[in-house]
Amino acid sequence: MTPLIALLLSLSVETLIAATVVAIDGRCRPSAAAAAAVVGTLLTHRLAWEEVFVATDHLDWVSAVLLVEAEVVIAEAVVYRAMTVLSTARSLLVSLLANAGSTALGFGLWLAGIE
């Protein structure tokens, strides 16, 4: 999978999940969460993509992805917090759920042999 395809998939999945989660919660406008998802993903995706390849020099691929995703969740939570009315805890939760969704999709495509 190319970095561009991965970015487009991440943007699609994370935007949808973030907007859905806050719509269910009712404490934030879905459009604000969607915008934060776009900004956060655009800020972190390329660095995360590159960092995974560096981390695999020291870790297996799954561990490298999980480590980098943990960093991404924290970084993107800062964006959610700055761009929405969500608390820090809720920003972390939305970031975690959105990134878990896109990471799960990535793992699924990898397992299916779609790279």
PDB file of N, CA and C in Angstrom:
ATOM      1  N   MET A   1       0.850  -1.178   0.000  1.00  0.00           N
ATOM      2  CA  MET A   1       0.000   0.000   0.000  1.00  0.00           C
ATOM      3  C   MET A   1       0.895   1.240   0.000  1.00  0.00           C
ATOM      4  N   THR A   2       0.543   2.180  -0.796  1.00  0.00           N
ATOM      5  CA  THR A   2       1.327   3.406  -0.847  1.00  0.00           C
ATOM      6  C   THR A   2       0.957   4.311   0.332  1.00  0.00           C
ATOM      7  N   PRO A   3       1.852   5.218   0.691  1.00  0.00           N
ATOM      8  CA  PRO A   3       1.517   6.159   1.762  1.00  0.00           C
ATOM      9  C   PRO A   3       0.273   6.991   1.445  1.00  0.00           C
ATOM     10  N   LEU A   4       0.080   7.352   0.172  1.00  0.00           N
ATOM     11  CA  LEU A   4      -1.087   8.146  -0.188  1.00  0.00           C
ATOM     12  C   LEU A   4      -2.384   7.366   0.007  1.00  0.00           C
ATOM     13  N   ILE A   5      -2.413   6.121  -0.405  1.00  0.00           N
ATOM     14  CA  ILE A   5      -3.612   5.295  -0.204  1.00  0.00           C
ATOM     15  C   ILE A   5      -3.868   5.121   1.293  1.00  0.00           C
ATOM     16  N   ALA A   6      -2.808   4.865   2.051  1.00  0.00           N
ATOM     17  CA  ALA A   6      -2.955   4.714   3.502  1.00  0.00           C
ATOM     18  C   ALA A   6      -3.492   5.998   4.133  1.00  0.00           C
ATOM     19  N   LEU A   7      -3.011   7.141   3.674  1.00  0.00           N
ATOM     20  CA  LEU A   7      -3.492   8.419   4.195  1.00  0.00           C
ATOM     21  C   LEU A   7      -4.971   8.609   3.879  1.00  0.00           C
ATOM     22  N   LEU A   8      -5.365   8.342   2.658  1.00  0.00           N
ATOM     23  CA  LEU A   8      -6.767   8.509   2.272  1.00  0.00           C
ATOM     24  C   LEU A   8      -7.682   7.575   3.058  1.00  0.00           C
ATOM     25  N   LEU A   9      -7.244   6.338   3.256  1.00  0.00           N
ATOM     26  CA  LEU A   9      -8.029   5.409   4.068  1.00  0.00           C
ATOM     27  C   LEU A   9      -8.113   5.886   5.513  1.00  0.00           C
ATOM     28  N   SER A  10      -6.998   6.340   6.060  1.00  0.00           N
ATOM     29  CA  SER A  10      -6.986   6.843   7.443  1.00  0.00           C
ATOM     30  C   SER A  10      -7.910   8.043   7.599  1.00  0.00           C
ATOM     31  N   LEU A  11      -7.830   8.972   6.657  1.00  0.00           N
ATOM     32  CA  LEU A  11      -8.707  10.145   6.720  1.00  0.00           C
ATOM     33  C   LEU A  11     -10.172   9.740   6.696  1.00  0.00           C
ATOM     34  N   SER A  12     -10.513   8.825   5.809  1.00  0.00           N
ATOM     35  CA  SER A  12     -11.909   8.387   5.690  1.00  0.00           C
ATOM     36  C   SER A  12     -12.404   7.716   6.963  1.00  0.00           C
ATOM     37  N   VAL A  13     -11.642   6.755   7.441  1.00  0.00           N
ATOM     38  CA  VAL A  13     -12.057   5.979   8.612  1.00  0.00           C
ATOM     39  C   VAL A  13     -12.075   6.838   9.869  1.00  0.00           C
ATOM     40  N   GLU A  14     -11.009   7.587  10.106  1.00  0.00           N
ATOM     41  CA  GLU A  14     -10.913   8.362  11.342  1.00  0.00           C
ATOM     42  C   GLU A  14     -11.942   9.480  11.399  1.00  0.00           C
ATOM     43  N   THR A  15     -12.219  10.110  10.262  1.00  0.00           N
ATOM     44  CA  THR A  15     -13.226  11.164  10.227  1.00  0.00           C
ATOM     45  C   THR A  15     -14.611  10.597  10.550  1.00  0.00           C
ATOM     46  N   LEU A  16     -14.926   9.489   9.937  1.00  0.00           N
ATOM     47  CA  LEU A  16     -16.222   8.850  10.179  1.00  0.00           C
ATOM     48  C   LEU A  16     -16.369   8.413  11.641  1.00  0.00           C
ATOM     49  N   ILE A  17     -15.343   7.776  12.176  1.00  0.00           N
ATOM     50  CA  ILE A  17     -15.419   7.304  13.567  1.00  0.00           C
ATOM     51  C   ILE A  17     -15.521   8.480  14.533  1.00  0.00           C
ATOM     52  N   ALA A  18     -14.686   9.491  14.355  1.00  0.00           N
ATOM     53  CA  ALA A  18     -14.705  10.642  15.274  1.00  0.00           C
ATOM     54  C   ALA A  18     -16.070  11.331  15.254  1.00  0.00           C
ATOM     55  N   ALA A  19     -16.602  11.552  14.072  1.00  0.00           N
ATOM     56  CA  ALA A  19     -17.910  12.210  13.966  1.00  0.00           C
ATOM     57  C   ALA A  19     -19.009  11.360  14.588  1.00  0.00           C
ATOM     58  N   THR A  20     -18.947  10.057  14.383  1.00  0.00           N
ATOM     59  CA  THR A  20     -19.963   9.150  14.934  1.00  0.00           C
ATOM     60  C   THR A  20     -19.893   9.091  16.450  1.00  0.00           C
ATOM     61  N   VAL A  21     -18.687   8.973  16.981  1.00  0.00           N
ATOM     62  CA  VAL A  21     -18.527   8.874  18.440  1.00  0.00           C
ATOM     63  C   VAL A  21     -19.052  10.125  19.129  1.00  0.00           C
ATOM     64  N   VAL A  22     -18.716  11.299  18.618  1.00  0.00           N
ATOM     65  CA  VAL A  22     -19.192  12.507  19.295  1.00  0.00           C
ATOM     66  C   VAL A  22     -20.682  12.735  19.060  1.00  0.00           C
ATOM     67  N   ALA A  23     -21.209  12.262  17.944  1.00  0.00           N
ATOM     68  CA  ALA A  23     -22.661  12.368  17.716  1.00  0.00           C
ATOM     69  C   ALA A  23     -23.411  11.529  18.740  1.00  0.00           C
ATOM     70  N   ILE A  24     -22.890  10.353  19.023  1.00  0.00           N
ATOM     71  CA  ILE A  24     -23.508   9.481  20.031  1.00  0.00           C
ATOM     72  C   ILE A  24     -23.401  10.116  21.407  1.00  0.00           C
ATOM     73  N   ASP A  25     -22.228  10.690  21.704  1.00  0.00           N
ATOM     74  CA  ASP A  25     -21.977  11.313  22.997  1.00  0.00           C
ATOM     75  C   ASP A  25     -22.810  12.579  23.174  1.00  0.00           C
ATOM     76  N   GLY A  26     -22.949  13.357  22.108  1.00  0.00           N
ATOM     77  CA  GLY A  26     -23.775  14.557  22.153  1.00  0.00           C
ATOM     78  C   GLY A  26     -23.138  15.778  22.769  1.00  0.00           C
ATOM     79  N   ARG A  27     -21.859  15.716  23.109  1.00  0.00           N
ATOM     80  CA  ARG A  27     -21.218  16.859  23.758  1.00  0.00           C
ATOM     81  C   ARG A  27     -20.410  17.723  22.791  1.00  0.00           C
ATOM     82  N   CYS A  28     -20.358  17.327  21.542  1.00  0.00           N
ATOM     83  CA  CYS A  28     -19.519  18.026  20.577  1.00  0.00           C
ATOM     84  C   CYS A  28     -20.179  17.909  19.211  1.00  0.00           C
ATOM     85  N   ARG A  29     -20.024  18.914  18.391  1.00  0.00           N
ATOM     86  CA  ARG A  29     -20.545  18.841  17.026  1.00  0.00           C
ATOM     87  C   ARG A  29     -19.733  17.826  16.225  1.00  0.00           C
ATOM     88  N   PRO A  30     -20.376  16.937  15.531  1.00  0.00           N
ATOM     89  CA  PRO A  30     -19.660  15.961  14.699  1.00  0.00           C
ATOM     90  C   PRO A  30     -18.733  16.618  13.678  1.00  0.00           C
ATOM     91  N   SER A  31     -19.140  17.754  13.140  1.00  0.00           N
ATOM     92  CA  SER A  31     -18.290  18.427  12.149  1.00  0.00           C
ATOM     93  C   SER A  31     -16.981  18.911  12.771  1.00  0.00           C
ATOM     94  N   ALA A  32     -17.014  19.317  14.030  1.00  0.00           N
ATOM     95  CA  ALA A  32     -15.787  19.752  14.706  1.00  0.00           C
ATOM     96  C   ALA A  32     -14.847  18.573  14.921  1.00  0.00           C
ATOM     97  N   ALA A  33     -15.415  17.442  15.315  1.00  0.00           N
ATOM     98  CA  ALA A  33     -14.589  16.249  15.510  1.00  0.00           C
ATOM     99  C   ALA A  33     -14.034  15.755  14.180  1.00  0.00           C
ATOM    100  N   ALA A  34     -14.840  15.821  13.126  1.00  0.00           N
ATOM    101  CA  ALA A  34     -14.372  15.409  11.800  1.00  0.00           C
ATOM    102  C   ALA A  34     -13.226  16.302  11.337  1.00  0.00           C
ATOM    103  N   ALA A  35     -13.362  17.594  11.554  1.00  0.00           N
ATOM    104  CA  ALA A  35     -12.290  18.523  11.175  1.00  0.00           C
ATOM    105  C   ALA A  35     -11.017  18.242  11.968  1.00  0.00           C
ATOM    106  N   ALA A  36     -11.168  17.974  13.258  1.00  0.00           N
ATOM    107  CA  ALA A  36     -10.002  17.649  14.084  1.00  0.00           C
ATOM    108  C   ALA A  36      -9.349  16.348  13.615  1.00  0.00           C
ATOM    109  N   ALA A  37     -10.159  15.392  13.198  1.00  0.00           N
ATOM    110  CA  ALA A  37      -9.616  14.133  12.681  1.00  0.00           C
ATOM    111  C   ALA A  37      -8.787  14.376  11.431  1.00  0.00           C
ATOM    112  N   VAL A  38      -9.285  15.219  10.553  1.00  0.00           N
ATOM    113  CA  VAL A  38      -8.544  15.535   9.329  1.00  0.00           C
ATOM    114  C   VAL A  38      -7.226  16.221   9.657  1.00  0.00           C
ATOM    115  N   VAL A  39      -7.271  17.240  10.488  1.00  0.00           N
ATOM    116  CA  VAL A  39      -6.053  17.979  10.842  1.00  0.00           C
ATOM    117  C   VAL A  39      -5.061  17.062  11.553  1.00  0.00           C
ATOM    118  N   GLY A  40      -5.534  16.326  12.533  1.00  0.00           N
ATOM    119  CA  GLY A  40      -4.643  15.432  13.277  1.00  0.00           C
ATOM    120  C   GLY A  40      -3.997  14.386  12.382  1.00  0.00           C
ATOM    121  N   THR A  41      -4.786  13.794  11.512  1.00  0.00           N
ATOM    122  CA  THR A  41      -4.252  12.771  10.617  1.00  0.00           C
ATOM    123  C   THR A  41      -3.245  13.367   9.644  1.00  0.00           C
ATOM    124  N   LEU A  42      -3.554  14.530   9.113  1.00  0.00           N
ATOM    125  CA  LEU A  42      -2.609  15.173   8.194  1.00  0.00           C
ATOM    126  C   LEU A  42      -1.292  15.531   8.890  1.00  0.00           C
ATOM    127  N   LEU A  43      -1.374  15.876  10.169  1.00  0.00           N
ATOM    128  CA  LEU A  43      -0.155  16.225  10.912  1.00  0.00           C
ATOM    129  C   LEU A  43       0.693  15.011  11.282  1.00  0.00           C
ATOM    130  N   THR A  44       0.064  13.889  11.523  1.00  0.00           N
ATOM    131  CA  THR A  44       0.805  12.742  12.061  1.00  0.00           C
ATOM    132  C   THR A  44       1.098  11.634  11.064  1.00  0.00           C
ATOM    133  N   HIS A  45       0.326  11.534  10.009  1.00  0.00           N
ATOM    134  CA  HIS A  45       0.381  10.328   9.167  1.00  0.00           C
ATOM    135  C   HIS A  45       1.752  10.077   8.550  1.00  0.00           C
ATOM    136  N   ARG A  46       2.312  11.074   7.910  1.00  0.00           N
ATOM    137  CA  ARG A  46       3.601  10.857   7.239  1.00  0.00           C
ATOM    138  C   ARG A  46       4.695  10.491   8.237  1.00  0.00           C
ATOM    139  N   LEU A  47       4.752  11.203   9.348  1.00  0.00           N
ATOM    140  CA  LEU A  47       5.762  10.890  10.365  1.00  0.00           C
ATOM    141  C   LEU A  47       5.567   9.486  10.916  1.00  0.00           C
ATOM    142  N   ALA A  48       4.326   9.115  11.166  1.00  0.00           N
ATOM    143  CA  ALA A  48       4.039   7.782  11.697  1.00  0.00           C
ATOM    144  C   ALA A  48       4.452   6.712  10.690  1.00  0.00           C
ATOM    145  N   TRP A  49       4.122   6.942   9.426  1.00  0.00           N
ATOM    146  CA  TRP A  49       4.457   5.991   8.364  1.00  0.00           C
ATOM    147  C   TRP A  49       5.966   5.746   8.344  1.00  0.00           C
ATOM    148  N   GLU A  50       6.737   6.830   8.396  1.00  0.00           N
ATOM    149  CA  GLU A  50       8.196   6.724   8.363  1.00  0.00           C
ATOM    150  C   GLU A  50       8.747   6.110   9.649  1.00  0.00           C
ATOM    151  N   GLU A  51       8.156   6.488  10.777  1.00  0.00           N
ATOM    152  CA  GLU A  51       8.643   5.997  12.063  1.00  0.00           C
ATOM    153  C   GLU A  51       8.459   4.491  12.216  1.00  0.00           C
ATOM    154  N   VAL A  52       7.402   3.945  11.650  1.00  0.00           N
ATOM    155  CA  VAL A  52       7.194   2.497  11.724  1.00  0.00           C
ATOM    156  C   VAL A  52       8.365   1.765  11.077  1.00  0.00           C
ATOM    157  N   PHE A  53       8.808   2.265   9.937  1.00  0.00           N
ATOM    158  CA  PHE A  53       9.913   1.599   9.255  1.00  0.00           C
ATOM    159  C   PHE A  53      11.222   1.711  10.039  1.00  0.00           C
ATOM    160  N   VAL A  54      11.436   2.820  10.728  1.00  0.00           N
ATOM    161  CA  VAL A  54      12.614   2.971  11.580  1.00  0.00           C
ATOM    162  C   VAL A  54      12.497   2.038  12.791  1.00  0.00           C
ATOM    163  N   ALA A  55      11.320   1.985  13.380  1.00  0.00           N
ATOM    164  CA  ALA A  55      11.115   1.160  14.579  1.00  0.00           C
ATOM    165  C   ALA A  55      11.281  -0.326  14.288  1.00  0.00           C
ATOM    166  N   THR A  56      10.991  -0.750  13.055  1.00  0.00           N
ATOM    167  CA  THR A  56      11.131  -2.174  12.734  1.00  0.00           C
ATOM    168  C   THR A  56      12.586  -2.628  12.689  1.00  0.00           C
ATOM    169  N   ASP A  57      13.512  -1.694  12.772  1.00  0.00           N
ATOM    170  CA  ASP A  57      14.924  -2.078  12.922  1.00  0.00           C
ATOM    171  C   ASP A  57      15.174  -2.672  14.305  1.00  0.00           C
ATOM    172  N   HIS A  58      14.289  -2.360  15.258  1.00  0.00           N
ATOM    173  CA  HIS A  58      14.474  -2.785  16.644  1.00  0.00           C
ATOM    174  C   HIS A  58      13.340  -3.646  17.178  1.00  0.00           C
ATOM    175  N   LEU A  59      12.191  -3.601  16.508  1.00  0.00           N
ATOM    176  CA  LEU A  59      10.996  -4.312  16.975  1.00  0.00           C
ATOM    177  C   LEU A  59      10.371  -5.077  15.824  1.00  0.00           C
ATOM    178  N   ASP A  60       9.545  -6.066  16.162  1.00  0.00           N
ATOM    179  CA  ASP A  60       8.770  -6.716  15.112  1.00  0.00           C
ATOM    180  C   ASP A  60       7.730  -5.715  14.606  1.00  0.00           C
ATOM    181  N   TRP A  61       7.163  -6.007  13.437  1.00  0.00           N
ATOM    182  CA  TRP A  61       6.282  -5.056  12.764  1.00  0.00           C
ATOM    183  C   TRP A  61       5.066  -4.699  13.612  1.00  0.00           C
ATOM    184  N   VAL A  62       4.428  -5.678  14.211  1.00  0.00           N
ATOM    185  CA  VAL A  62       3.227  -5.411  15.010  1.00  0.00           C
ATOM    186  C   VAL A  62       3.568  -4.507  16.193  1.00  0.00           C
ATOM    187  N   SER A  63       4.645  -4.798  16.896  1.00  0.00           N
ATOM    188  CA  SER A  63       5.042  -3.966  18.042  1.00  0.00           C
ATOM    189  C   SER A  63       5.381  -2.551  17.601  1.00  0.00           C
ATOM    190  N   ALA A  64       6.059  -2.430  16.469  1.00  0.00           N
ATOM    191  CA  ALA A  64       6.420  -1.108  15.957  1.00  0.00           C
ATOM    192  C   ALA A  64       5.165  -0.298  15.646  1.00  0.00           C
ATOM    193  N   VAL A  65       4.198  -0.915  14.983  1.00  0.00           N
ATOM    194  CA  VAL A  65       2.951  -0.215  14.642  1.00  0.00           C
ATOM    195  C   VAL A  65       2.211   0.205  15.911  1.00  0.00           C
ATOM    196  N   LEU A  66       2.119  -0.684  16.877  1.00  0.00           N
ATOM    197  CA  LEU A  66       1.400  -0.359  18.110  1.00  0.00           C
ATOM    198  C   LEU A  66       2.089   0.761  18.889  1.00  0.00           C
ATOM    199  N   LEU A  67       3.411   0.750  18.924  1.00  0.00           N
ATOM    200  CA  LEU A  67       4.150   1.810  19.606  1.00  0.00           C
ATOM    201  C   LEU A  67       3.917   3.156  18.925  1.00  0.00           C
ATOM    202  N   VAL A  68       4.040   3.166  17.621  1.00  0.00           N
ATOM    203  CA  VAL A  68       3.842   4.410  16.877  1.00  0.00           C
ATOM    204  C   VAL A  68       2.393   4.878  17.004  1.00  0.00           C
ATOM    205  N   GLU A  69       1.444   3.967  16.932  1.00  0.00           N
ATOM    206  CA  GLU A  69       0.036   4.353  17.069  1.00  0.00           C
ATOM    207  C   GLU A  69      -0.249   4.946  18.451  1.00  0.00           C
ATOM    208  N   ALA A  70       0.409   4.456  19.472  1.00  0.00           N
ATOM    209  CA  ALA A  70       0.229   5.041  20.807  1.00  0.00           C
ATOM    210  C   ALA A  70       0.683   6.502  20.807  1.00  0.00           C
ATOM    211  N   GLU A  71       1.781   6.764  20.137  1.00  0.00           N
ATOM    212  CA  GLU A  71       2.253   8.148  20.028  1.00  0.00           C
ATOM    213  C   GLU A  71       1.265   9.002  19.229  1.00  0.00           C
ATOM    214  N   VAL A  72       0.734   8.434  18.170  1.00  0.00           N
ATOM    215  CA  VAL A  72      -0.222   9.144  17.324  1.00  0.00           C
ATOM    216  C   VAL A  72      -1.501   9.458  18.097  1.00  0.00           C
ATOM    217  N   VAL A  73      -1.981   8.523  18.876  1.00  0.00           N
ATOM    218  CA  VAL A  73      -3.198   8.748  19.677  1.00  0.00           C
ATOM    219  C   VAL A  73      -3.013   9.959  20.581  1.00  0.00           C
ATOM    220  N   ILE A  74      -1.880  10.042  21.229  1.00  0.00           N
ATOM    221  CA  ILE A  74      -1.620  11.170  22.133  1.00  0.00           C
ATOM    222  C   ILE A  74      -1.525  12.477  21.351  1.00  0.00           C
ATOM    223  N   ALA A  75      -0.780  12.463  20.260  1.00  0.00           N
ATOM    224  CA  ALA A  75      -0.618  13.686  19.459  1.00  0.00           C
ATOM    225  C   ALA A  75      -1.952  14.159  18.897  1.00  0.00           C
ATOM    226  N   GLU A  76      -2.739  13.236  18.374  1.00  0.00           N
ATOM    227  CA  GLU A  76      -4.016  13.628  17.790  1.00  0.00           C
ATOM    228  C   GLU A  76      -5.024  14.030  18.858  1.00  0.00           C
ATOM    229  N   ALA A  77      -4.910  13.494  20.059  1.00  0.00           N
ATOM    230  CA  ALA A  77      -5.788  13.919  21.155  1.00  0.00           C
ATOM    231  C   ALA A  77      -5.575  15.396  21.468  1.00  0.00           C
ATOM    232  N   VAL A  78      -4.344  15.846  21.339  1.00  0.00           N
ATOM    233  CA  VAL A  78      -4.057  17.272  21.542  1.00  0.00           C
ATOM    234  C   VAL A  78      -4.817  18.111  20.514  1.00  0.00           C
ATOM    235  N   VAL A  79      -4.883  17.624  19.282  1.00  0.00           N
ATOM    236  CA  VAL A  79      -5.617  18.331  18.230  1.00  0.00           C
ATOM    237  C   VAL A  79      -7.114  18.335  18.534  1.00  0.00           C
ATOM    238  N   TYR A  80      -7.655  17.188  18.926  1.00  0.00           N
ATOM    239  CA  TYR A  80      -9.084  17.134  19.292  1.00  0.00           C
ATOM    240  C   TYR A  80      -9.381  18.115  20.418  1.00  0.00           C
ATOM    241  N   ARG A  81      -8.517  18.155  21.406  1.00  0.00           N
ATOM    242  CA  ARG A  81      -8.721  19.042  22.554  1.00  0.00           C
ATOM    243  C   ARG A  81      -8.701  20.499  22.119  1.00  0.00           C
ATOM    244  N   ALA A  82      -7.786  20.830  21.217  1.00  0.00           N
ATOM    245  CA  ALA A  82      -7.653  22.219  20.758  1.00  0.00           C
ATOM    246  C   ALA A  82      -8.791  22.653  19.836  1.00  0.00           C
ATOM    247  N   MET A  83      -9.330  21.718  19.069  1.00  0.00           N
ATOM    248  CA  MET A  83     -10.311  22.081  18.040  1.00  0.00           C
ATOM    249  C   MET A  83     -11.765  21.808  18.415  1.00  0.00           C
ATOM    250  N   THR A  84     -11.992  21.185  19.567  1.00  0.00           N
ATOM    251  CA  THR A  84     -13.357  20.849  19.975  1.00  0.00           C
ATOM    252  C   THR A  84     -13.578  21.258  21.421  1.00  0.00           C
ATOM    253  N   VAL A  85     -14.782  21.019  21.889  1.00  0.00           N
ATOM    254  CA  VAL A  85     -15.111  21.292  23.287  1.00  0.00           C
ATOM    255  C   VAL A  85     -14.880  20.055  24.162  1.00  0.00           C
ATOM    256  N   LEU A  86     -14.312  19.019  23.592  1.00  0.00           N
ATOM    257  CA  LEU A  86     -14.099  17.781  24.340  1.00  0.00           C
ATOM    258  C   LEU A  86     -13.064  17.971  25.446  1.00  0.00           C
ATOM    259  N   SER A  87     -13.284  17.285  26.555  1.00  0.00           N
ATOM    260  CA  SER A  87     -12.308  17.284  27.640  1.00  0.00           C
ATOM    261  C   SER A  87     -11.067  16.517  27.186  1.00  0.00           C
ATOM    262  N   THR A  88     -10.035  16.583  27.974  1.00  0.00           N
ATOM    263  CA  THR A  88      -8.811  15.842  27.653  1.00  0.00           C
ATOM    264  C   THR A  88      -9.085  14.349  27.594  1.00  0.00           C
ATOM    265  N   ALA A  89      -9.833  13.843  28.559  1.00  0.00           N
ATOM    266  CA  ALA A  89     -10.134  12.407  28.596  1.00  0.00           C
ATOM    267  C   ALA A  89     -10.952  11.993  27.374  1.00  0.00           C
ATOM    268  N   ARG A  90     -11.955  12.786  27.017  1.00  0.00           N
ATOM    269  CA  ARG A  90     -12.774  12.452  25.846  1.00  0.00           C
ATOM    270  C   ARG A  90     -11.987  12.618  24.551  1.00  0.00           C
ATOM    271  N   SER A  91     -11.098  13.587  24.513  1.00  0.00           N
ATOM    272  CA  SER A  91     -10.237  13.745  23.339  1.00  0.00           C
ATOM    273  C   SER A  91      -9.361  12.514  23.154  1.00  0.00           C
ATOM    274  N   LEU A  92      -8.818  12.007  24.242  1.00  0.00           N
ATOM    275  CA  LEU A  92      -8.013  10.781  24.173  1.00  0.00           C
ATOM    276  C   LEU A  92      -8.853   9.598  23.710  1.00  0.00           C
ATOM    277  N   LEU A  93     -10.079   9.508  24.212  1.00  0.00           N
ATOM    278  CA  LEU A  93     -10.952   8.403  23.832  1.00  0.00           C
ATOM    279  C   LEU A  93     -11.308   8.457  22.346  1.00  0.00           C
ATOM    280  N   VAL A  94     -11.684   9.632  21.858  1.00  0.00           N
ATOM    281  CA  VAL A  94     -12.033   9.762  20.443  1.00  0.00           C
ATOM    282  C   VAL A  94     -10.815   9.451  19.580  1.00  0.00           C
ATOM    283  N   SER A  95      -9.658   9.970  19.961  1.00  0.00           N
ATOM    284  CA  SER A  95      -8.435   9.692  19.215  1.00  0.00           C
ATOM    285  C   SER A  95      -8.114   8.200  19.216  1.00  0.00           C
ATOM    286  N   LEU A  96      -8.259   7.568  20.360  1.00  0.00           N
ATOM    287  CA  LEU A  96      -7.992   6.134  20.467  1.00  0.00           C
ATOM    288  C   LEU A  96      -8.932   5.337  19.569  1.00  0.00           C
ATOM    289  N   LEU A  97     -10.215   5.643  19.631  1.00  0.00           N
ATOM    290  CA  LEU A  97     -11.189   4.902  18.821  1.00  0.00           C
ATOM    291  C   LEU A  97     -10.970   5.126  17.321  1.00  0.00           C
ATOM    292  N   ALA A  98     -10.710   6.369  16.943  1.00  0.00           N
ATOM    293  CA  ALA A  98     -10.491   6.673  15.523  1.00  0.00           C
ATOM    294  C   ALA A  98      -9.240   5.970  15.010  1.00  0.00           C
ATOM    295  N   ASN A  99      -8.173   6.035  15.779  1.00  0.00           N
ATOM    296  CA  ASN A  99      -6.922   5.402  15.349  1.00  0.00           C
ATOM    297  C   ASN A  99      -6.996   3.884  15.421  1.00  0.00           C
ATOM    298  N   ALA A 100      -7.738   3.363  16.376  1.00  0.00           N
ATOM    299  CA  ALA A 100      -7.922   1.906  16.435  1.00  0.00           C
ATOM    300  C   ALA A 100      -8.647   1.430  15.185  1.00  0.00           C
ATOM    301  N   GLY A 101      -9.618   2.205  14.728  1.00  0.00           N
ATOM    302  CA  GLY A 101     -10.352   1.842  13.521  1.00  0.00           C
ATOM    303  C   GLY A 101      -9.468   1.823  12.290  1.00  0.00           C
ATOM    304  N   SER A 102      -8.658   2.866  12.118  1.00  0.00           N
ATOM    305  CA  SER A 102      -7.816   2.898  10.924  1.00  0.00           C
ATOM    306  C   SER A 102      -6.685   1.882  11.014  1.00  0.00           C
ATOM    307  N   THR A 103      -6.177   1.645  12.219  1.00  0.00           N
ATOM    308  CA  THR A 103      -5.132   0.632  12.386  1.00  0.00           C
ATOM    309  C   THR A 103      -5.706  -0.763  12.145  1.00  0.00           C
ATOM    310  N   ALA A 104      -6.902  -1.012  12.643  1.00  0.00           N
ATOM    311  CA  ALA A 104      -7.545  -2.314  12.407  1.00  0.00           C
ATOM    312  C   ALA A 104      -7.766  -2.547  10.914  1.00  0.00           C
ATOM    313  N   LEU A 105      -8.186  -1.510  10.210  1.00  0.00           N
ATOM    314  CA  LEU A 105      -8.354  -1.633   8.760  1.00  0.00           C
ATOM    315  C   LEU A 105      -7.013  -1.949   8.102  1.00  0.00           C
ATOM    316  N   GLY A 106      -5.970  -1.250   8.515  1.00  0.00           N
ATOM    317  CA  GLY A 106      -4.641  -1.506   7.962  1.00  0.00           C
ATOM    318  C   GLY A 106      -4.176  -2.928   8.215  1.00  0.00           C
ATOM    319  N   PHE A 107      -4.361  -3.404   9.442  1.00  0.00           N
ATOM    320  CA  PHE A 107      -3.999  -4.796   9.767  1.00  0.00           C
ATOM    321  C   PHE A 107      -4.826  -5.771   8.937  1.00  0.00           C
ATOM    322  N   GLY A 108      -6.119  -5.491   8.808  1.00  0.00           N
ATOM    323  CA  GLY A 108      -6.988  -6.369   8.027  1.00  0.00           C
ATOM    324  C   GLY A 108      -6.557  -6.458   6.574  1.00  0.00           C
ATOM    325  N   LEU A 109      -6.234  -5.307   5.994  1.00  0.00           N
ATOM    326  CA  LEU A 109      -5.763  -5.315   4.606  1.00  0.00           C
ATOM    327  C   LEU A 109      -4.434  -6.050   4.478  1.00  0.00           C
ATOM    328  N   TRP A 110      -3.565  -5.861   5.465  1.00  0.00           N
ATOM    329  CA  TRP A 110      -2.262  -6.561   5.469  1.00  0.00           C
ATOM    330  C   TRP A 110      -2.470  -8.073   5.564  1.00  0.00           C
ATOM    331  N   LEU A 111      -3.357  -8.494   6.458  1.00  0.00           N
ATOM    332  CA  LEU A 111      -3.639  -9.926   6.607  1.00  0.00           C
ATOM    333  C   LEU A 111      -4.261 -10.501   5.338  1.00  0.00           C
ATOM    334  N   ALA A 112      -5.034  -9.683   4.628  1.00  0.00           N
ATOM    335  CA  ALA A 112      -5.667 -10.127   3.390  1.00  0.00           C
ATOM    336  C   ALA A 112      -4.687 -10.093   2.204  1.00  0.00           C
ATOM    337  N   GLY A 113      -3.473  -9.625   2.468  1.00  0.00           N
ATOM    338  CA  GLY A 113      -2.471  -9.578   1.400  1.00  0.00           C
ATOM    339  C   GLY A 113      -2.577  -8.342   0.538  1.00  0.00           C
ATOM    340  N   ILE A 114      -3.323  -7.357   0.993  1.00  0.00           N
ATOM    341  CA  ILE A 114      -3.456  -6.102   0.256  1.00  0.00           C
ATOM    342  C   ILE A 114      -2.508  -5.101   0.895  1.00  0.00           C
ATOM    343  N   GLU A 115      -1.380  -4.948   0.275  1.00  0.00           N
ATOM    344  CA  GLU A 115      -0.375  -4.038   0.829  1.00  0.00           C
ATOM    345  C   GLU A 115      -0.220  -2.880  -0.092  1.00  0.00           C
TER     346      GLU A 115
END
